[in-house]
């Protein structure tokens, strides 16, 4: 399967140049700092969208973490990103609360309200900032 080469960096809308895989402390505010080893990196990831009524979903809106799925907050991520991690996509913060059978490392699946919205969102390569405390 052909995969196009990934760029080494990108420029965010605020003008900050992000080197993928590099630590980006400029995204950490004083209120974000937590004790422990803090993971804070920007990566180019495949971002898709899903609904709680997609094939294989129960429609009850309960995530793999046991939380109620909430549009604007809930994302699913691969196993390399721990539950409860914060991801920032396009300046919006979400919480990793779900997993999925087709979600690999390097994938983020955003919860949206409707199937139409998910199809319109499509599949995108986006810079994603991943933040969590390593235990």
N, C-alpha and C. Protein backbone atom coordinates (compact mmCIF):
# COMPACT_ATOMS: atom_id res chain seq x y z
N UNK A 1 0.84 -1.17 0.00
CA UNK A 1 0.00 0.00 0.00
C UNK A 1 0.89 1.24 0.00
N UNK A 2 0.63 2.18 -0.89
CA UNK A 2 1.41 3.40 -1.00
C UNK A 2 1.04 4.37 0.11
N UNK A 3 2.05 4.87 0.78
CA UNK A 3 1.83 5.92 1.76
C UNK A 3 2.71 7.10 1.39
N UNK A 4 2.10 8.28 1.19
CA UNK A 4 2.90 9.45 0.84
C UNK A 4 3.83 9.80 1.98
N UNK A 5 4.99 10.39 1.69
CA UNK A 5 5.91 10.77 2.76
C UNK A 5 5.28 11.80 3.68
N UNK A 6 5.57 11.68 4.96
CA UNK A 6 5.04 12.62 5.93
C UNK A 6 5.98 13.81 6.05
N UNK A 7 5.43 15.02 6.09
CA UNK A 7 6.29 16.18 6.27
C UNK A 7 6.94 16.17 7.65
N UNK A 8 8.11 16.80 7.76
CA UNK A 8 8.82 16.84 9.04
C UNK A 8 8.24 17.89 9.97
N UNK A 9 7.53 18.87 9.40
CA UNK A 9 6.97 19.93 10.23
C UNK A 9 5.78 20.56 9.52
N UNK A 10 5.06 21.40 10.26
CA UNK A 10 3.98 22.18 9.65
C UNK A 10 3.87 23.49 10.41
N UNK A 11 3.20 24.45 9.81
CA UNK A 11 2.95 25.73 10.46
C UNK A 11 1.50 25.78 10.86
N UNK A 12 1.25 25.98 12.15
CA UNK A 12 -0.11 26.06 12.67
C UNK A 12 -0.69 27.43 12.36
N UNK A 13 -2.03 27.58 12.45
CA UNK A 13 -2.66 28.87 12.15
C UNK A 13 -2.12 30.03 12.98
N UNK A 14 -1.60 29.75 14.18
CA UNK A 14 -1.06 30.82 15.01
C UNK A 14 0.38 31.18 14.64
N UNK A 15 0.91 30.54 13.58
CA UNK A 15 2.25 30.85 13.10
C UNK A 15 3.36 30.01 13.70
N UNK A 16 3.04 29.15 14.65
CA UNK A 16 4.05 28.31 15.28
C UNK A 16 4.41 27.16 14.35
N UNK A 17 5.72 26.95 14.13
CA UNK A 17 6.18 25.83 13.32
C UNK A 17 6.39 24.65 14.25
N UNK A 18 5.77 23.52 13.93
CA UNK A 18 5.82 22.34 14.78
C UNK A 18 6.62 21.26 14.06
N UNK A 19 7.66 20.76 14.73
CA UNK A 19 8.41 19.61 14.24
C UNK A 19 7.70 18.37 14.75
N UNK A 20 7.23 17.49 13.86
CA UNK A 20 6.47 16.33 14.28
C UNK A 20 7.34 15.39 15.10
N UNK A 21 6.77 14.93 16.20
CA UNK A 21 7.48 14.04 17.11
C UNK A 21 8.32 14.79 18.13
N UNK A 22 8.40 16.11 18.02
CA UNK A 22 9.20 16.90 18.94
C UNK A 22 8.36 17.36 20.12
N UNK A 23 8.99 17.58 21.24
CA UNK A 23 8.30 18.13 22.40
C UNK A 23 7.98 19.58 22.11
N UNK A 24 6.77 19.99 22.42
CA UNK A 24 6.36 21.36 22.12
C UNK A 24 5.87 22.06 23.39
N UNK A 25 6.81 22.49 24.22
CA UNK A 25 6.41 23.09 25.49
C UNK A 25 5.59 24.36 25.34
N UNK A 26 5.66 25.05 24.17
CA UNK A 26 4.90 26.28 24.03
C UNK A 26 3.39 26.04 24.07
N UNK A 27 2.93 24.78 23.97
CA UNK A 27 1.51 24.48 24.06
C UNK A 27 1.07 24.21 25.49
N UNK A 28 1.99 24.16 26.42
CA UNK A 28 1.65 23.85 27.80
C UNK A 28 1.48 25.16 28.56
N UNK A 29 0.30 25.36 29.12
CA UNK A 29 0.08 26.53 29.95
C UNK A 29 0.29 26.12 31.40
N UNK A 30 0.36 27.06 32.29
CA UNK A 30 0.56 26.75 33.70
C UNK A 30 -0.56 25.86 34.23
N UNK A 31 -1.79 26.04 33.73
CA UNK A 31 -2.90 25.24 34.23
C UNK A 31 -2.87 23.81 33.69
N UNK A 32 -2.10 23.57 32.60
CA UNK A 32 -2.01 22.23 32.03
C UNK A 32 -0.96 21.37 32.73
N UNK A 33 -0.03 22.00 33.46
CA UNK A 33 1.08 21.24 34.04
C UNK A 33 0.60 20.33 35.15
N UNK A 34 1.03 19.09 35.09
CA UNK A 34 0.66 18.09 36.07
C UNK A 34 1.93 17.42 36.59
N UNK A 35 1.88 16.84 37.78
CA UNK A 35 3.07 16.14 38.28
C UNK A 35 3.34 14.89 37.46
N UNK A 36 4.56 14.42 37.48
CA UNK A 36 4.91 13.21 36.74
C UNK A 36 5.62 13.55 35.45
N UNK A 37 5.87 12.56 34.64
CA UNK A 37 6.52 12.76 33.35
C UNK A 37 5.45 13.18 32.34
N UNK A 38 5.53 14.41 31.89
CA UNK A 38 4.50 14.99 31.04
C UNK A 38 4.81 14.73 29.57
N UNK A 39 3.90 14.10 28.86
CA UNK A 39 4.04 13.82 27.43
C UNK A 39 3.29 14.92 26.69
N UNK A 40 3.98 15.62 25.79
CA UNK A 40 3.37 16.74 25.06
C UNK A 40 4.05 16.83 23.70
N UNK A 41 3.47 16.16 22.70
CA UNK A 41 4.07 16.16 21.38
C UNK A 41 3.05 16.50 20.30
N UNK A 42 3.55 17.01 19.20
CA UNK A 42 2.71 17.25 18.02
C UNK A 42 3.06 16.19 16.99
N UNK A 43 2.04 15.58 16.43
CA UNK A 43 2.24 14.53 15.45
C UNK A 43 1.25 14.73 14.31
N UNK A 44 1.64 14.32 13.12
CA UNK A 44 0.72 14.30 11.99
C UNK A 44 -0.05 12.99 12.09
N UNK A 45 -1.38 13.09 12.23
CA UNK A 45 -2.21 11.90 12.43
C UNK A 45 -3.36 11.88 11.44
N UNK A 46 -3.89 10.69 11.19
CA UNK A 46 -5.09 10.53 10.39
C UNK A 46 -6.28 10.79 11.29
N UNK A 47 -7.10 11.77 10.92
CA UNK A 47 -8.27 12.12 11.72
C UNK A 47 -9.52 11.82 10.91
N UNK A 48 -10.42 11.04 11.50
CA UNK A 48 -11.70 10.70 10.89
C UNK A 48 -12.79 11.04 11.91
N UNK A 49 -14.04 10.79 11.53
CA UNK A 49 -15.15 11.09 12.42
C UNK A 49 -16.09 9.89 12.49
N UNK A 50 -16.77 9.74 13.63
CA UNK A 50 -17.72 8.66 13.82
C UNK A 50 -18.91 9.15 14.63
N UNK A 51 -19.98 8.34 14.63
CA UNK A 51 -21.14 8.64 15.47
C UNK A 51 -21.37 7.45 16.39
N UNK A 52 -22.18 7.62 17.41
CA UNK A 52 -22.44 6.49 18.30
C UNK A 52 -23.48 5.54 17.70
N UNK A 53 -23.85 5.76 16.45
CA UNK A 53 -24.77 4.87 15.76
C UNK A 53 -24.13 4.20 14.55
N UNK A 54 -22.81 4.32 14.40
CA UNK A 54 -22.10 3.65 13.30
C UNK A 54 -22.19 2.14 13.46
N UNK A 55 -21.88 1.42 12.38
CA UNK A 55 -21.91 -0.04 12.38
C UNK A 55 -21.09 -0.57 13.55
N UNK A 56 -21.66 -1.48 14.30
CA UNK A 56 -20.96 -2.07 15.43
C UNK A 56 -21.15 -1.32 16.74
N UNK A 57 -21.79 -0.16 16.67
CA UNK A 57 -22.03 0.63 17.88
C UNK A 57 -23.43 0.32 18.41
N UNK A 58 -23.61 0.43 19.70
CA UNK A 58 -24.92 0.13 20.30
C UNK A 58 -25.88 1.30 20.22
N UNK A 59 -25.35 2.51 20.04
CA UNK A 59 -26.20 3.69 20.02
C UNK A 59 -26.48 4.24 21.40
N UNK A 60 -25.98 3.56 22.44
CA UNK A 60 -26.22 4.02 23.81
C UNK A 60 -25.25 5.12 24.22
N UNK A 61 -24.17 5.29 23.46
CA UNK A 61 -23.25 6.38 23.73
C UNK A 61 -22.32 6.18 24.90
N UNK A 62 -22.04 4.93 25.28
CA UNK A 62 -21.10 4.67 26.35
C UNK A 62 -19.77 4.27 25.71
N UNK A 63 -18.71 4.96 26.09
CA UNK A 63 -17.39 4.74 25.48
C UNK A 63 -16.65 3.59 26.15
N UNK A 64 -15.52 3.23 25.58
CA UNK A 64 -14.68 2.16 26.15
C UNK A 64 -14.19 2.51 27.55
N UNK A 65 -14.11 3.81 27.87
CA UNK A 65 -13.68 4.23 29.21
C UNK A 65 -14.83 4.20 30.21
N UNK A 66 -16.05 3.95 29.72
CA UNK A 66 -17.21 3.93 30.59
C UNK A 66 -17.92 5.27 30.68
N UNK A 67 -17.36 6.29 30.04
CA UNK A 67 -17.97 7.63 30.05
C UNK A 67 -19.04 7.73 28.96
N UNK A 68 -19.96 8.65 29.13
CA UNK A 68 -20.95 8.92 28.10
C UNK A 68 -20.27 9.72 26.98
N UNK A 69 -20.42 9.25 25.75
CA UNK A 69 -19.83 9.93 24.59
C UNK A 69 -20.47 11.31 24.43
N UNK A 70 -19.63 12.32 24.24
CA UNK A 70 -20.11 13.69 24.13
C UNK A 70 -19.47 14.36 22.92
N UNK A 71 -20.32 14.83 22.00
CA UNK A 71 -19.83 15.56 20.83
C UNK A 71 -19.10 16.81 21.31
N UNK A 72 -17.94 17.06 20.73
CA UNK A 72 -17.13 18.21 21.13
C UNK A 72 -16.14 17.90 22.24
N UNK A 73 -16.22 16.69 22.80
CA UNK A 73 -15.27 16.28 23.84
C UNK A 73 -14.63 14.93 23.54
N UNK A 74 -15.40 13.96 23.08
CA UNK A 74 -14.95 12.57 22.98
C UNK A 74 -14.22 12.30 21.66
N UNK A 75 -13.05 11.65 21.78
CA UNK A 75 -12.37 11.09 20.61
C UNK A 75 -11.93 9.67 20.96
N UNK A 76 -11.78 8.88 19.91
CA UNK A 76 -11.21 7.54 20.05
C UNK A 76 -9.79 7.60 19.50
N UNK A 77 -8.88 6.86 20.12
CA UNK A 77 -7.49 6.84 19.67
C UNK A 77 -6.95 5.43 19.78
N UNK A 78 -5.82 5.20 19.12
CA UNK A 78 -5.16 3.91 19.18
C UNK A 78 -4.58 3.65 20.57
N UNK A 79 -4.13 2.43 20.80
CA UNK A 79 -3.67 2.04 22.14
C UNK A 79 -2.44 2.78 22.65
N UNK A 80 -1.68 3.43 21.77
CA UNK A 80 -0.49 4.16 22.22
C UNK A 80 -0.85 5.44 22.97
N UNK A 81 -2.08 5.94 22.78
CA UNK A 81 -2.52 7.14 23.48
C UNK A 81 -3.43 6.69 24.63
N UNK A 82 -3.04 6.95 25.88
CA UNK A 82 -3.82 6.44 27.00
C UNK A 82 -5.19 7.10 27.14
N UNK A 83 -6.12 6.35 27.72
CA UNK A 83 -7.43 6.92 28.05
C UNK A 83 -7.21 8.13 28.95
N UNK A 84 -7.98 9.16 28.71
CA UNK A 84 -7.89 10.37 29.51
C UNK A 84 -6.91 11.39 28.98
N UNK A 85 -6.11 11.01 27.98
CA UNK A 85 -5.19 11.98 27.38
C UNK A 85 -5.99 13.09 26.70
N UNK A 86 -5.38 14.25 26.62
CA UNK A 86 -5.98 15.37 25.89
C UNK A 86 -5.32 15.45 24.52
N UNK A 87 -6.15 15.61 23.48
CA UNK A 87 -5.61 15.85 22.15
C UNK A 87 -6.15 17.18 21.66
N UNK A 88 -5.31 17.92 20.97
CA UNK A 88 -5.72 19.21 20.42
C UNK A 88 -5.63 19.13 18.91
N UNK A 89 -6.76 19.39 18.26
CA UNK A 89 -6.87 19.34 16.80
C UNK A 89 -7.45 20.66 16.34
N UNK A 90 -6.70 21.39 15.54
CA UNK A 90 -7.21 22.67 15.04
C UNK A 90 -7.57 23.65 16.13
N UNK A 91 -6.85 23.62 17.24
CA UNK A 91 -7.09 24.54 18.34
C UNK A 91 -8.20 24.11 19.28
N UNK A 92 -8.84 22.96 19.02
CA UNK A 92 -9.92 22.46 19.88
C UNK A 92 -9.40 21.26 20.67
N UNK A 93 -9.68 21.24 21.96
CA UNK A 93 -9.23 20.14 22.82
C UNK A 93 -10.33 19.10 22.99
N UNK A 94 -9.89 17.84 22.95
CA UNK A 94 -10.78 16.70 23.13
C UNK A 94 -10.14 15.76 24.14
N UNK A 95 -10.93 14.82 24.65
CA UNK A 95 -10.41 13.84 25.59
C UNK A 95 -10.52 12.44 24.98
N UNK A 96 -9.45 11.65 25.11
CA UNK A 96 -9.47 10.27 24.62
C UNK A 96 -10.30 9.46 25.61
N UNK A 97 -11.48 9.04 25.15
CA UNK A 97 -12.40 8.28 25.99
C UNK A 97 -12.83 6.98 25.33
N UNK A 98 -12.36 6.74 24.11
CA UNK A 98 -12.87 5.59 23.36
C UNK A 98 -11.75 4.94 22.56
N UNK A 99 -12.00 3.70 22.17
CA UNK A 99 -11.14 2.92 21.29
C UNK A 99 -11.99 2.47 20.12
N UNK A 100 -11.41 1.76 19.19
CA UNK A 100 -12.19 1.24 18.07
C UNK A 100 -11.41 0.15 17.38
N UNK A 101 -12.12 -0.81 16.80
CA UNK A 101 -11.47 -1.94 16.15
C UNK A 101 -10.60 -1.56 14.97
N UNK A 102 -10.93 -0.46 14.30
CA UNK A 102 -10.17 -0.06 13.11
C UNK A 102 -9.23 1.11 13.39
N UNK A 103 -9.05 1.46 14.66
CA UNK A 103 -8.21 2.60 15.01
C UNK A 103 -6.83 2.11 15.41
N UNK A 104 -5.82 2.53 14.65
CA UNK A 104 -4.44 2.16 14.92
C UNK A 104 -3.71 3.33 15.57
N UNK A 105 -2.48 3.09 16.01
CA UNK A 105 -1.66 4.19 16.48
C UNK A 105 -1.51 5.16 15.32
N UNK A 106 -1.59 6.43 15.60
CA UNK A 106 -1.52 7.44 14.55
C UNK A 106 -2.89 7.81 14.00
N UNK A 107 -3.96 7.23 14.56
CA UNK A 107 -5.33 7.54 14.14
C UNK A 107 -6.10 8.18 15.29
N UNK A 108 -6.93 9.15 14.95
CA UNK A 108 -7.86 9.76 15.90
C UNK A 108 -9.23 9.75 15.22
N UNK A 109 -10.24 9.36 15.96
CA UNK A 109 -11.61 9.32 15.45
C UNK A 109 -12.46 10.23 16.33
N UNK A 110 -12.96 11.31 15.75
CA UNK A 110 -13.71 12.33 16.47
C UNK A 110 -15.19 11.98 16.51
N UNK A 111 -15.82 12.08 17.64
CA UNK A 111 -17.26 11.85 17.74
C UNK A 111 -18.00 13.07 17.20
N UNK A 112 -18.92 12.84 16.24
CA UNK A 112 -19.75 13.90 15.70
C UNK A 112 -21.22 13.51 15.85
N UNK A 113 -22.12 14.46 15.61
CA UNK A 113 -23.54 14.25 15.90
C UNK A 113 -24.27 13.38 14.87
N UNK A 114 -23.84 13.40 13.61
CA UNK A 114 -24.62 12.69 12.60
C UNK A 114 -23.72 11.98 11.60
N UNK A 115 -24.28 10.97 10.97
CA UNK A 115 -23.57 10.22 9.92
C UNK A 115 -23.18 11.16 8.78
N UNK A 116 -24.07 12.06 8.43
CA UNK A 116 -23.80 13.03 7.36
C UNK A 116 -22.56 13.88 7.70
N UNK A 117 -22.51 14.35 8.94
CA UNK A 117 -21.36 15.15 9.38
C UNK A 117 -20.08 14.33 9.32
N UNK A 118 -20.15 13.06 9.71
CA UNK A 118 -18.97 12.19 9.67
C UNK A 118 -18.50 12.00 8.22
N UNK A 119 -19.44 11.77 7.31
CA UNK A 119 -19.06 11.59 5.90
C UNK A 119 -18.49 12.87 5.30
N UNK A 120 -19.07 14.01 5.66
CA UNK A 120 -18.55 15.29 5.18
C UNK A 120 -17.16 15.58 5.74
N UNK A 121 -16.91 15.15 6.97
CA UNK A 121 -15.59 15.35 7.59
C UNK A 121 -14.53 14.56 6.82
N UNK A 122 -14.85 13.33 6.48
CA UNK A 122 -13.94 12.50 5.69
C UNK A 122 -12.72 12.04 6.48
N UNK A 123 -11.61 11.86 5.75
CA UNK A 123 -10.34 11.42 6.32
C UNK A 123 -9.32 12.53 6.05
N UNK A 124 -8.68 12.99 7.09
CA UNK A 124 -7.74 14.12 6.96
C UNK A 124 -6.43 13.81 7.68
N UNK A 125 -5.35 14.32 7.15
CA UNK A 125 -4.07 14.30 7.86
C UNK A 125 -3.96 15.66 8.55
N UNK A 126 -3.91 15.64 9.89
CA UNK A 126 -3.92 16.87 10.68
C UNK A 126 -2.81 16.83 11.72
N UNK A 127 -2.24 17.99 12.05
CA UNK A 127 -1.34 18.04 13.20
C UNK A 127 -2.16 17.90 14.48
N UNK A 128 -1.77 16.99 15.34
CA UNK A 128 -2.49 16.72 16.59
C UNK A 128 -1.48 16.82 17.73
N UNK A 129 -1.81 17.62 18.73
CA UNK A 129 -0.99 17.69 19.94
C UNK A 129 -1.58 16.72 20.95
N UNK A 130 -0.74 15.83 21.46
CA UNK A 130 -1.17 14.79 22.41
C UNK A 130 -0.53 15.10 23.75
N UNK A 131 -1.35 15.18 24.81
CA UNK A 131 -0.86 15.52 26.14
C UNK A 131 -1.36 14.51 27.17
N UNK A 132 -0.46 14.01 27.98
CA UNK A 132 -0.85 13.15 29.10
C UNK A 132 0.33 13.00 30.05
N UNK A 133 0.04 12.54 31.25
CA UNK A 133 1.06 12.26 32.24
C UNK A 133 1.38 10.78 32.18
N UNK A 134 2.67 10.46 31.97
CA UNK A 134 3.09 9.06 31.95
C UNK A 134 3.18 8.55 33.37
N UNK A 135 2.60 7.39 33.60
CA UNK A 135 2.61 6.84 34.96
C UNK A 135 3.70 5.82 35.11
